[in-house]
Amino acid sequence: MAEIIQKDGTWVFDGDALRLTPGRDKGVGLLRRELGELVVPLGALASVSVEQGKKSGWLRLRLREGADPLLRATGGRLGEADDPYRLSVQPDRYGVAEYFADEVRNALLLEGISPEPVTGYLLPGPPLPVSASAGDGSAHFDGERVRLEWNWKTEDVKAETGTRTIPLADILGVEWRPASGLENGHLRFLVRGTPVSARAKYDPNAVELWGFRKDPLMALVAAAVQARLPHPSVPESAGRRAELPAPEQGSVPRQGSVPEQGAAEDTHDTLLRRLRELGELRRDGVLTEEEFTLAKRAVLDKL
């Protein structure tokens, strides 16, 4: 057995799995605290590495693509404080970190585990039910349906739609994105038969995120839903992804009046941002090449 204990957390490897327990240090993010102890089977790992710095270093795990619904839902966008597969290591413990990494690497070699993508999730995702509140609303998931509730900061045109209940069977995909720079983030559900609104602030199937402390907790809801959707490698899921709606031409939902700030939606900068979003959806596998081309053409026609 190999073990490393740091303020950031404790990692233990018993030959079959790694137990990752977050520490109580102030640098540990809310998402890691809420996840609690994670058990990662050896078969879910692609590699392990030690990175040394002057003040501190890191022990990092890289999971096989498709092994973890949390990583799938967040698309590699988790901040360092919330990344459960990163452990901060003090310089005087680099030797222990290297020993730990060597033990894991040797086990991967002995078991002949391939770093290639997997065809099914090897981690279960967050336990149910799961709830989180951030940005302009709250999201709840009980395993059968998602419920979105709005707060006083929600745009009127979205709040007027009332509490949104979405059966799991109608959800084609889920995405979580943190706020970045001047761009707000979101937790969005892609729902069968519903166009994708260009902006989460007007989308009744999305919670807008503004870069506040609790935003990462929305990733727990995203991961719990992702774990119960068809795995992206399964043929049935390919047909499911083909049903994903292309972004609607208008940026504001039809219900209610359009707020003044939405009147200039089709400005040059907004259209360029929409192109970037479409590109990310294609890279994440949410949009097919054909869907991306059609949506991009619609945006370019407005430039």
C-alpha atoms as a PDB file:
ATOM      1  CA  MET A   1       0.000   0.000   0.000  1.00  0.00           C
ATOM      2  CA  ALA A   2       1.169   3.536  -0.799  1.00  0.00           C
ATOM      3  CA  GLU A   3      -0.047   6.661   0.984  1.00  0.00           C
ATOM      4  CA  ILE A   4       0.625  10.378   0.881  1.00  0.00           C
ATOM      5  CA  ILE A   5      -0.841  12.823   3.414  1.00  0.00           C
ATOM      6  CA  GLN A   6      -0.896  16.562   2.758  1.00  0.00           C
ATOM      7  CA  LYS A   7      -2.933  19.557   3.921  1.00  0.00           C
ATOM      8  CA  ASP A   8      -4.640  19.432   0.544  1.00  0.00           C
ATOM      9  CA  GLY A   9      -5.795  15.862   1.111  1.00  0.00           C
ATOM     10  CA  THR A  10      -4.813  12.222   1.546  1.00  0.00           C
ATOM     11  CA  TRP A  11      -4.348   9.716  -1.269  1.00  0.00           C
ATOM     12  CA  VAL A  12      -4.118   5.979  -0.594  1.00  0.00           C
ATOM     13  CA  PHE A  13      -3.414   3.239  -3.142  1.00  0.00           C
ATOM     14  CA  ASP A  14      -4.088  -0.383  -2.161  1.00  0.00           C
ATOM     15  CA  GLY A  15      -3.183  -2.009  -5.480  1.00  0.00           C
ATOM     16  CA  ASP A  16      -6.747  -2.122  -6.802  1.00  0.00           C
ATOM     17  CA  ALA A  17      -8.034   1.408  -6.337  1.00  0.00           C
ATOM     18  CA  LEU A  18      -7.070   4.870  -5.161  1.00  0.00           C
ATOM     19  CA  ARG A  19      -8.916   6.585  -2.324  1.00  0.00           C
ATOM     20  CA  LEU A  20      -8.801  10.353  -2.678  1.00  0.00           C
ATOM     21  CA  THR A  21      -9.863  12.210   0.462  1.00  0.00           C
ATOM     22  CA  PRO A  22      -9.932  16.029   0.398  1.00  0.00           C
ATOM     23  CA  GLY A  23      -8.172  17.878   3.206  1.00  0.00           C
ATOM     24  CA  ARG A  24      -9.475  20.750   5.312  1.00  0.00           C
ATOM     25  CA  ASP A  25      -7.040  23.325   4.011  1.00  0.00           C
ATOM     26  CA  LYS A  26      -8.622  26.609   2.912  1.00  0.00           C
ATOM     27  CA  GLY A  27      -7.287  26.010  -0.594  1.00  0.00           C
ATOM     28  CA  VAL A  28      -9.568  22.996  -1.086  1.00  0.00           C
ATOM     29  CA  GLY A  29     -12.509  24.013  -3.283  1.00  0.00           C
ATOM     30  CA  LEU A  30     -16.186  23.583  -2.466  1.00  0.00           C
ATOM     31  CA  LEU A  31     -16.660  20.954  -5.141  1.00  0.00           C
ATOM     32  CA  ARG A  32     -13.934  18.704  -3.708  1.00  0.00           C
ATOM     33  CA  ARG A  33     -15.345  19.137  -0.216  1.00  0.00           C
ATOM     34  CA  GLU A  34     -18.837  18.226  -1.386  1.00  0.00           C
ATOM     35  CA  LEU A  35     -17.622  15.203  -3.356  1.00  0.00           C
ATOM     36  CA  GLY A  36     -15.887  13.849  -0.276  1.00  0.00           C
ATOM     37  CA  GLU A  37     -13.833  10.683  -0.636  1.00  0.00           C
ATOM     38  CA  LEU A  38     -13.562   9.337  -4.169  1.00  0.00           C
ATOM     39  CA  VAL A  39     -12.692   5.734  -4.946  1.00  0.00           C
ATOM     40  CA  VAL A  40     -11.020   5.473  -8.347  1.00  0.00           C
ATOM     41  CA  PRO A  41     -10.516   1.934  -9.681  1.00  0.00           C
ATOM     42  CA  LEU A  42      -7.092   1.273 -11.167  1.00  0.00           C
ATOM     43  CA  GLY A  43      -8.729   0.444 -14.497  1.00  0.00           C
ATOM     44  CA  ALA A  44     -10.000   4.011 -14.799  1.00  0.00           C
ATOM     45  CA  LEU A  45      -6.480   5.473 -14.835  1.00  0.00           C
ATOM     46  CA  ALA A  46      -4.461   6.427 -17.877  1.00  0.00           C
ATOM     47  CA  SER A  47      -1.403   7.842 -16.079  1.00  0.00           C
ATOM     48  CA  VAL A  48      -0.048   9.570 -12.976  1.00  0.00           C
ATOM     49  CA  SER A  49       2.551  12.330 -12.799  1.00  0.00           C
ATOM     50  CA  VAL A  50       4.492  14.427 -10.300  1.00  0.00           C
ATOM     51  CA  GLU A  51       5.160  18.087 -11.076  1.00  0.00           C
ATOM     52  CA  GLN A  52       7.680  19.915  -8.919  1.00  0.00           C
ATOM     53  CA  GLY A  53       7.704  23.646  -8.241  1.00  0.00           C
ATOM     54  CA  LYS A  54       9.694  25.996  -6.009  1.00  0.00           C
ATOM     55  CA  LYS A  55       7.020  26.494  -3.344  1.00  0.00           C
ATOM     56  CA  SER A  56       4.859  23.456  -3.988  1.00  0.00           C
ATOM     57  CA  GLY A  57       4.248  20.742  -6.525  1.00  0.00           C
ATOM     58  CA  TRP A  58       1.389  18.542  -7.663  1.00  0.00           C
ATOM     59  CA  LEU A  59       0.512  14.912  -7.911  1.00  0.00           C
ATOM     60  CA  ARG A  60      -1.902  14.470 -10.805  1.00  0.00           C
ATOM     61  CA  LEU A  61      -4.032  11.648 -12.113  1.00  0.00           C
ATOM     62  CA  ARG A  62      -5.157  11.472 -15.711  1.00  0.00           C
ATOM     63  CA  LEU A  63      -8.206   9.294 -16.173  1.00  0.00           C
ATOM     64  CA  ARG A  64      -9.050   7.371 -19.304  1.00  0.00           C
ATOM     65  CA  GLU A  65     -11.398   9.259 -21.570  1.00  0.00           C
ATOM     66  CA  GLY A  66     -15.006   8.420 -20.788  1.00  0.00           C
ATOM     67  CA  ALA A  67     -14.277   6.899 -17.361  1.00  0.00           C
ATOM     68  CA  ASP A  68     -15.692   9.694 -15.206  1.00  0.00           C
ATOM     69  CA  PRO A  69     -19.048  11.455 -15.791  1.00  0.00           C
ATOM     70  CA  LEU A  70     -17.787  14.492 -13.861  1.00  0.00           C
ATOM     71  CA  LEU A  71     -14.926  15.032 -16.294  1.00  0.00           C
ATOM     72  CA  ARG A  72     -17.243  14.397 -19.220  1.00  0.00           C
ATOM     73  CA  ALA A  73     -19.786  16.970 -18.020  1.00  0.00           C
ATOM     74  CA  THR A  74     -17.222  19.654 -17.173  1.00  0.00           C
ATOM     75  CA  GLY A  75     -15.005  19.153 -20.220  1.00  0.00           C
ATOM     76  CA  GLY A  76     -11.714  19.822 -18.420  1.00  0.00           C
ATOM     77  CA  ARG A  77     -12.889  23.236 -17.196  1.00  0.00           C
ATOM     78  CA  LEU A  78     -12.673  22.633 -13.444  1.00  0.00           C
ATOM     79  CA  GLY A  79     -10.421  25.040 -11.576  1.00  0.00           C
ATOM     80  CA  GLU A  80      -7.373  23.676  -9.779  1.00  0.00           C
ATOM     81  CA  ALA A  81      -8.940  24.066  -6.324  1.00  0.00           C
ATOM     82  CA  ASP A  82     -11.929  21.952  -7.415  1.00  0.00           C
ATOM     83  CA  ASP A  83     -10.052  19.305  -9.396  1.00  0.00           C
ATOM     84  CA  PRO A  84     -10.326  16.071  -7.370  1.00  0.00           C
ATOM     85  CA  TYR A  85      -7.500  14.482  -9.374  1.00  0.00           C
ATOM     86  CA  ARG A  86      -4.874  17.042  -8.368  1.00  0.00           C
ATOM     87  CA  LEU A  87      -3.084  16.990  -4.994  1.00  0.00           C
ATOM     88  CA  SER A  88      -0.869  19.854  -3.849  1.00  0.00           C
ATOM     89  CA  VAL A  89       2.454  18.488  -2.505  1.00  0.00           C
ATOM     90  CA  GLN A  90       4.976  20.289  -0.324  1.00  0.00           C
ATOM     91  CA  PRO A  91       8.644  20.184  -1.480  1.00  0.00           C
ATOM     92  CA  ASP A  92       9.731  18.053   1.488  1.00  0.00           C
ATOM     93  CA  ARG A  93       7.264  15.367   0.365  1.00  0.00           C
ATOM     94  CA  TYR A  94       8.347  15.135  -3.281  1.00  0.00           C
ATOM     95  CA  GLY A  95      10.096  11.833  -2.557  1.00  0.00           C
ATOM     96  CA  VAL A  96       6.874  10.371  -1.150  1.00  0.00           C
ATOM     97  CA  ALA A  97       4.946  11.644  -4.156  1.00  0.00           C
ATOM     98  CA  GLU A  98       7.412  10.015  -6.555  1.00  0.00           C
ATOM     99  CA  TYR A  99       7.173   6.725  -4.662  1.00  0.00           C
ATOM    100  CA  PHE A 100       3.372   6.895  -4.748  1.00  0.00           C
ATOM    101  CA  ALA A 101       3.376   7.601  -8.498  1.00  0.00           C
ATOM    102  CA  ASP A 102       5.817   4.739  -9.156  1.00  0.00           C
ATOM    103  CA  GLU A 103       3.601   2.303  -7.255  1.00  0.00           C
ATOM    104  CA  VAL A 104       0.597   3.283  -9.352  1.00  0.00           C
ATOM    105  CA  ARG A 105       2.583   3.135 -12.615  1.00  0.00           C
ATOM    106  CA  ASN A 106       3.928  -0.334 -11.777  1.00  0.00           C
ATOM    107  CA  ALA A 107       0.400  -1.565 -11.052  1.00  0.00           C
ATOM    108  CA  LEU A 108      -0.831  -0.186 -14.384  1.00  0.00           C
ATOM    109  CA  LEU A 109       1.960  -2.065 -16.163  1.00  0.00           C
ATOM    110  CA  LEU A 110       1.435  -5.313 -14.272  1.00  0.00           C
ATOM    111  CA  GLU A 111      -2.307  -5.269 -14.929  1.00  0.00           C
ATOM    112  CA  GLY A 112      -1.763  -4.340 -18.568  1.00  0.00           C
ATOM    113  CA  ILE A 113      -4.248  -1.477 -18.362  1.00  0.00           C
ATOM    114  CA  SER A 114      -4.522   0.498 -21.570  1.00  0.00           C
ATOM    115  CA  PRO A 115      -4.734   4.300 -21.481  1.00  0.00           C
ATOM    116  CA  GLU A 116      -7.239   4.185 -24.351  1.00  0.00           C
ATOM    117  CA  PRO A 117     -10.830   5.503 -23.917  1.00  0.00           C
ATOM    118  CA  VAL A 118     -13.364   3.280 -22.177  1.00  0.00           C
ATOM    119  CA  THR A 119     -16.812   2.243 -23.363  1.00  0.00           C
ATOM    120  CA  GLY A 120     -18.625   2.813 -20.074  1.00  0.00           C
ATOM    121  CA  TYR A 121     -18.353   4.980 -16.984  1.00  0.00           C
ATOM    122  CA  LEU A 122     -16.099   3.460 -14.320  1.00  0.00           C
ATOM    123  CA  LEU A 123     -17.068   5.977 -11.640  1.00  0.00           C
ATOM    124  CA  PRO A 124     -20.674   6.324 -10.471  1.00  0.00           C
ATOM    125  CA  GLY A 125     -20.995  10.084 -10.286  1.00  0.00           C
ATOM    126  CA  PRO A 126     -22.331  12.022  -7.270  1.00  0.00           C
ATOM    127  CA  PRO A 127     -24.910  10.259  -5.052  1.00  0.00           C
ATOM    128  CA  LEU A 128     -28.595  11.134  -5.390  1.00  0.00           C
ATOM    129  CA  PRO A 129     -30.500  13.266  -4.787  1.00  0.00           C
ATOM    130  CA  VAL A 130     -28.246  16.197  -5.585  1.00  0.00           C
ATOM    131  CA  SER A 131     -28.995  19.913  -5.448  1.00  0.00           C
ATOM    132  CA  ALA A 132     -27.097  23.139  -5.954  1.00  0.00           C
ATOM    133  CA  SER A 133     -27.888  26.856  -5.980  1.00  0.00           C
ATOM    134  CA  ALA A 134     -25.861  29.481  -7.823  1.00  0.00           C
ATOM    135  CA  GLY A 135     -26.292  32.272 -10.322  1.00  0.00           C
ATOM    136  CA  ASP A 136     -29.912  32.879 -11.244  1.00  0.00           C
ATOM    137  CA  GLY A 137     -31.414  29.633  -9.965  1.00  0.00           C
ATOM    138  CA  SER A 138     -31.276  26.218  -8.302  1.00  0.00           C
ATOM    139  CA  ALA A 139     -30.983  22.773  -9.865  1.00  0.00           C
ATOM    140  CA  HIS A 140     -32.207  19.511  -8.333  1.00  0.00           C
ATOM    141  CA  PHE A 141     -31.902  15.956  -9.677  1.00  0.00           C
ATOM    142  CA  ASP A 142     -33.451  12.846  -8.114  1.00  0.00           C
ATOM    143  CA  GLY A 143     -32.440  10.305 -10.762  1.00  0.00           C
ATOM    144  CA  GLU A 144     -35.648  10.594 -12.772  1.00  0.00           C
ATOM    145  CA  ARG A 145     -36.109  14.295 -13.398  1.00  0.00           C
ATOM    146  CA  VAL A 146     -34.319  17.632 -13.202  1.00  0.00           C
ATOM    147  CA  ARG A 147     -36.061  20.551 -11.512  1.00  0.00           C
ATOM    148  CA  LEU A 148     -34.922  24.128 -12.146  1.00  0.00           C
ATOM    149  CA  GLU A 149     -36.149  26.904  -9.855  1.00  0.00           C
ATOM    150  CA  TRP A 150     -35.468  30.615 -10.342  1.00  0.00           C
ATOM    151  CA  ASN A 151     -34.513  33.332  -7.862  1.00  0.00           C
ATOM    152  CA  TRP A 152     -35.077  37.083  -7.765  1.00  0.00           C
ATOM    153  CA  LYS A 153     -32.034  37.684  -9.980  1.00  0.00           C
ATOM    154  CA  THR A 154     -33.507  35.755 -12.943  1.00  0.00           C
ATOM    155  CA  GLU A 155     -34.446  37.663 -16.102  1.00  0.00           C
ATOM    156  CA  ASP A 156     -38.209  38.232 -16.243  1.00  0.00           C
ATOM    157  CA  VAL A 157     -38.640  36.451 -19.576  1.00  0.00           C
ATOM    158  CA  LYS A 158     -37.199  33.286 -18.054  1.00  0.00           C
ATOM    159  CA  ALA A 159     -38.754  33.599 -14.599  1.00  0.00           C
ATOM    160  CA  GLU A 160     -42.200  33.887 -16.204  1.00  0.00           C
ATOM    161  CA  THR A 161     -41.862  30.295 -17.455  1.00  0.00           C
ATOM    162  CA  GLY A 162     -41.994  29.161 -13.819  1.00  0.00           C
ATOM    163  CA  THR A 163     -40.305  26.140 -12.248  1.00  0.00           C
ATOM    164  CA  ARG A 164     -38.998  23.839 -14.956  1.00  0.00           C
ATOM    165  CA  THR A 165     -39.251  20.036 -14.601  1.00  0.00           C
ATOM    166  CA  ILE A 166     -37.402  17.961 -17.200  1.00  0.00           C
ATOM    167  CA  PRO A 167     -37.729  14.148 -17.305  1.00  0.00           C
ATOM    168  CA  LEU A 168     -34.407  12.370 -17.707  1.00  0.00           C
ATOM    169  CA  ALA A 169     -35.785  10.624 -20.812  1.00  0.00           C
ATOM    170  CA  ASP A 170     -36.046  14.024 -22.541  1.00  0.00           C
ATOM    171  CA  ILE A 171     -32.477  15.099 -21.778  1.00  0.00           C
ATOM    172  CA  LEU A 172     -30.094  14.611 -24.693  1.00  0.00           C
ATOM    173  CA  GLY A 173     -27.025  16.179 -23.124  1.00  0.00           C
ATOM    174  CA  VAL A 174     -25.753  18.348 -20.284  1.00  0.00           C
ATOM    175  CA  GLU A 175     -22.946  20.875 -20.080  1.00  0.00           C
ATOM    176  CA  TRP A 176     -21.363  22.912 -17.319  1.00  0.00           C
ATOM    177  CA  ARG A 177     -19.133  25.875 -18.060  1.00  0.00           C
ATOM    178  CA  PRO A 178     -17.603  28.281 -15.556  1.00  0.00           C
ATOM    179  CA  ALA A 179     -17.584  32.024 -16.027  1.00  0.00           C
ATOM    180  CA  SER A 180     -14.462  33.173 -17.845  1.00  0.00           C
ATOM    181  CA  GLY A 181     -13.409  36.812 -18.069  1.00  0.00           C
ATOM    182  CA  LEU A 182     -16.458  38.819 -19.114  1.00  0.00           C
ATOM    183  CA  GLU A 183     -18.272  35.681 -20.290  1.00  0.00           C
ATOM    184  CA  ASN A 184     -20.809  34.195 -17.882  1.00  0.00           C
ATOM    185  CA  GLY A 185     -20.971  30.441 -17.375  1.00  0.00           C
ATOM    186  CA  HIS A 186     -23.936  28.086 -17.234  1.00  0.00           C
ATOM    187  CA  LEU A 187     -25.392  24.721 -16.384  1.00  0.00           C
ATOM    188  CA  ARG A 188     -27.427  23.791 -19.461  1.00  0.00           C
ATOM    189  CA  PHE A 189     -29.624  20.828 -20.316  1.00  0.00           C
ATOM    190  CA  LEU A 190     -30.137  19.980 -23.967  1.00  0.00           C
ATOM    191  CA  VAL A 191     -33.732  18.885 -24.231  1.00  0.00           C
ATOM    192  CA  ARG A 192     -35.408  16.926 -27.008  1.00  0.00           C
ATOM    193  CA  GLY A 193     -37.496  19.159 -29.250  1.00  0.00           C
ATOM    194  CA  THR A 194     -36.274  22.405 -27.670  1.00  0.00           C
ATOM    195  CA  PRO A 195     -33.974  24.841 -29.546  1.00  0.00           C
ATOM    196  CA  VAL A 196     -30.762  25.829 -27.760  1.00  0.00           C
ATOM    197  CA  SER A 197     -30.933  29.472 -26.762  1.00  0.00           C
ATOM    198  CA  ALA A 198     -27.774  31.438 -27.490  1.00  0.00           C
ATOM    199  CA  ARG A 199     -27.667  32.945 -23.979  1.00  0.00           C
ATOM    200  CA  ALA A 200     -28.269  31.086 -20.739  1.00  0.00           C
ATOM    201  CA  LYS A 201     -29.835  34.157 -19.107  1.00  0.00           C
ATOM    202  CA  TYR A 202     -32.879  33.683 -21.379  1.00  0.00           C
ATOM    203  CA  ASP A 203     -32.814  29.870 -21.624  1.00  0.00           C
ATOM    204  CA  PRO A 204     -35.430  28.118 -19.417  1.00  0.00           C
ATOM    205  CA  ASN A 205     -33.318  24.940 -19.606  1.00  0.00           C
ATOM    206  CA  ALA A 206     -30.192  26.619 -18.229  1.00  0.00           C
ATOM    207  CA  VAL A 207     -28.945  28.250 -15.043  1.00  0.00           C
ATOM    208  CA  GLU A 208     -26.663  31.209 -15.693  1.00  0.00           C
ATOM    209  CA  LEU A 209     -23.459  31.373 -13.617  1.00  0.00           C
ATOM    210  CA  TRP A 210     -21.623  34.595 -12.822  1.00  0.00           C
ATOM    211  CA  GLY A 211     -18.302  33.398 -11.474  1.00  0.00           C
ATOM    212  CA  PHE A 212     -19.213  33.258  -7.794  1.00  0.00           C
ATOM    213  CA  ARG A 213     -17.936  30.828  -5.174  1.00  0.00           C
ATOM    214  CA  LYS A 214     -20.752  28.267  -5.457  1.00  0.00           C
ATOM    215  CA  ASP A 215     -20.679  27.941  -9.247  1.00  0.00           C
ATOM    216  CA  PRO A 216     -18.617  24.696  -9.200  1.00  0.00           C
ATOM    217  CA  LEU A 217     -21.332  22.958  -7.161  1.00  0.00           C
ATOM    218  CA  MET A 218     -23.549  23.052 -10.252  1.00  0.00           C
ATOM    219  CA  ALA A 219     -21.059  20.621 -11.786  1.00  0.00           C
ATOM    220  CA  LEU A 220     -22.301  18.018  -9.271  1.00  0.00           C
ATOM    221  CA  VAL A 221     -25.770  18.145 -10.820  1.00  0.00           C
ATOM    222  CA  ALA A 222     -24.262  18.006 -14.302  1.00  0.00           C
ATOM    223  CA  ALA A 223     -22.182  14.945 -13.410  1.00  0.00           C
ATOM    224  CA  ALA A 224     -25.107  13.128 -11.761  1.00  0.00           C
ATOM    225  CA  VAL A 225     -27.222  13.578 -14.888  1.00  0.00           C
ATOM    226  CA  GLN A 226     -24.321  12.699 -17.199  1.00  0.00           C
ATOM    227  CA  ALA A 227     -23.776   9.423 -15.331  1.00  0.00           C
ATOM    228  CA  ARG A 228     -27.329   8.374 -16.185  1.00  0.00           C
ATOM    229  CA  LEU A 229     -27.262   9.329 -19.869  1.00  0.00           C
ATOM    230  CA  PRO A 230     -26.054   6.851 -22.499  1.00  0.00           C
ATOM    231  CA  HIS A 231     -22.266   6.694 -22.569  1.00  0.00           C
ATOM    232  CA  PRO A 232     -20.880   8.659 -25.549  1.00  0.00           C
ATOM    233  CA  SER A 233     -19.193   5.525 -26.915  1.00  0.00           C
ATOM    234  CA  VAL A 234     -22.419   3.482 -27.026  1.00  0.00           C
ATOM    235  CA  PRO A 235     -24.054   3.327 -30.504  1.00  0.00           C
ATOM    236  CA  GLU A 236     -27.455   4.262 -29.082  1.00  0.00           C
ATOM    237  CA  SER A 237     -25.983   7.482 -27.748  1.00  0.00           C
ATOM    238  CA  ALA A 238     -24.854   8.429 -31.245  1.00  0.00           C
ATOM    239  CA  GLY A 239     -28.466   8.396 -32.350  1.00  0.00           C
ATOM    240  CA  ARG A 240     -29.385  10.332 -29.239  1.00  0.00           C
ATOM    241  CA  ARG A 241     -26.805  13.022 -30.031  1.00  0.00           C
ATOM    242  CA  ALA A 242     -28.169  13.298 -33.561  1.00  0.00           C
ATOM    243  CA  GLU A 243     -31.410  14.555 -32.009  1.00  0.00           C
ATOM    244  CA  LEU A 244     -29.662  17.493 -30.375  1.00  0.00           C
ATOM    245  CA  PRO A 245     -31.316  20.733 -31.478  1.00  0.00           C
ATOM    246  CA  ALA A 246     -29.320  23.332 -33.363  1.00  0.00           C
ATOM    247  CA  PRO A 247     -29.108  26.769 -31.753  1.00  0.00           C
ATOM    248  CA  GLU A 248     -32.239  28.749 -32.473  1.00  0.00           C
ATOM    249  CA  GLN A 249     -31.957  31.758 -34.744  1.00  0.00           C
ATOM    250  CA  GLY A 250     -33.339  34.172 -32.155  1.00  0.00           C
ATOM    251  CA  SER A 251     -31.414  34.687 -28.954  1.00  0.00           C
ATOM    252  CA  VAL A 252     -34.343  35.389 -26.630  1.00  0.00           C
ATOM    253  CA  PRO A 253     -37.172  32.964 -25.728  1.00  0.00           C
ATOM    254  CA  ARG A 254     -40.534  33.750 -27.249  1.00  0.00           C
ATOM    255  CA  GLN A 255     -42.337  34.101 -23.904  1.00  0.00           C
ATOM    256  CA  GLY A 256     -42.762  37.620 -22.604  1.00  0.00           C
ATOM    257  CA  SER A 257     -41.258  40.835 -23.840  1.00  0.00           C
ATOM    258  CA  VAL A 258     -37.660  41.264 -24.894  1.00  0.00           C
ATOM    259  CA  PRO A 259     -35.557  43.318 -22.442  1.00  0.00           C
ATOM    260  CA  GLU A 260     -33.759  46.341 -23.805  1.00  0.00           C
ATOM    261  CA  GLN A 261     -30.312  44.824 -23.343  1.00  0.00           C
ATOM    262  CA  GLY A 262     -31.333  41.982 -25.691  1.00  0.00           C
ATOM    263  CA  ALA A 263     -32.228  44.343 -28.547  1.00  0.00           C
ATOM    264  CA  ALA A 264     -28.631  44.516 -29.728  1.00  0.00           C
ATOM    265  CA  GLU A 265     -28.166  40.740 -29.559  1.00  0.00           C
ATOM    266  CA  ASP A 266     -26.901  40.412 -33.109  1.00  0.00           C
ATOM    267  CA  THR A 267     -23.988  42.827 -32.699  1.00  0.00           C
ATOM    268  CA  HIS A 268     -20.659  41.887 -34.238  1.00  0.00           C
ATOM    269  CA  ASP A 269     -19.102  40.871 -30.900  1.00  0.00           C
ATOM    270  CA  THR A 270     -22.121  38.784 -29.938  1.00  0.00           C
ATOM    271  CA  LEU A 271     -22.048  36.906 -33.219  1.00  0.00           C
ATOM    272  CA  LEU A 272     -18.338  36.205 -32.849  1.00  0.00           C
ATOM    273  CA  ARG A 273     -18.978  34.867 -29.351  1.00  0.00           C
ATOM    274  CA  ARG A 274     -21.713  32.632 -30.732  1.00  0.00           C
ATOM    275  CA  LEU A 275     -19.276  31.227 -33.286  1.00  0.00           C
ATOM    276  CA  ARG A 276     -16.848  30.361 -30.472  1.00  0.00           C
ATOM    277  CA  GLU A 277     -19.638  28.653 -28.540  1.00  0.00           C
ATOM    278  CA  LEU A 278     -20.622  26.608 -31.591  1.00  0.00           C
ATOM    279  CA  GLY A 279     -17.004  25.543 -32.044  1.00  0.00           C
ATOM    280  CA  GLU A 280     -16.844  24.370 -28.436  1.00  0.00           C
ATOM    281  CA  LEU A 281     -20.089  22.424 -28.834  1.00  0.00           C
ATOM    282  CA  ARG A 282     -18.619  20.668 -31.854  1.00  0.00           C
ATOM    283  CA  ARG A 283     -15.362  19.846 -30.036  1.00  0.00           C
ATOM    284  CA  ASP A 284     -17.340  18.479 -27.085  1.00  0.00           C
ATOM    285  CA  GLY A 285     -19.326  16.201 -29.389  1.00  0.00           C
ATOM    286  CA  VAL A 286     -22.628  17.963 -28.681  1.00  0.00           C
ATOM    287  CA  LEU A 287     -23.024  19.079 -32.299  1.00  0.00           C
ATOM    288  CA  THR A 288     -22.290  16.915 -35.310  1.00  0.00           C
ATOM    289  CA  GLU A 289     -20.190  18.340 -38.146  1.00  0.00           C
ATOM    290  CA  GLU A 290     -23.330  18.858 -40.228  1.00  0.00           C
ATOM    291  CA  GLU A 291     -25.202  20.595 -37.395  1.00  0.00           C
ATOM    292  CA  PHE A 292     -22.185  22.806 -36.728  1.00  0.00           C
ATOM    293  CA  THR A 293     -21.913  23.807 -40.401  1.00  0.00           C
ATOM    294  CA  LEU A 294     -25.597  24.748 -40.623  1.00  0.00           C
ATOM    295  CA  ALA A 295     -25.527  26.732 -37.383  1.00  0.00           C
ATOM    296  CA  LYS A 296     -22.278  28.487 -38.344  1.00  0.00           C
ATOM    297  CA  ARG A 297     -23.702  29.448 -41.744  1.00  0.00           C
ATOM    298  CA  ALA A 298     -26.729  31.028 -40.032  1.00  0.00           C
ATOM    299  CA  VAL A 299     -24.433  33.133 -37.846  1.00  0.00           C
ATOM    300  CA  LEU A 300     -22.103  34.142 -40.671  1.00  0.00           C
ATOM    301  CA  ASP A 301     -25.079  35.333 -42.734  1.00  0.00           C
ATOM    302  CA  LYS A 302     -25.681  37.961 -40.048  1.00  0.00           C
ATOM    303  CA  LEU A 303     -22.092  39.269 -39.951  1.00  0.00           C
END
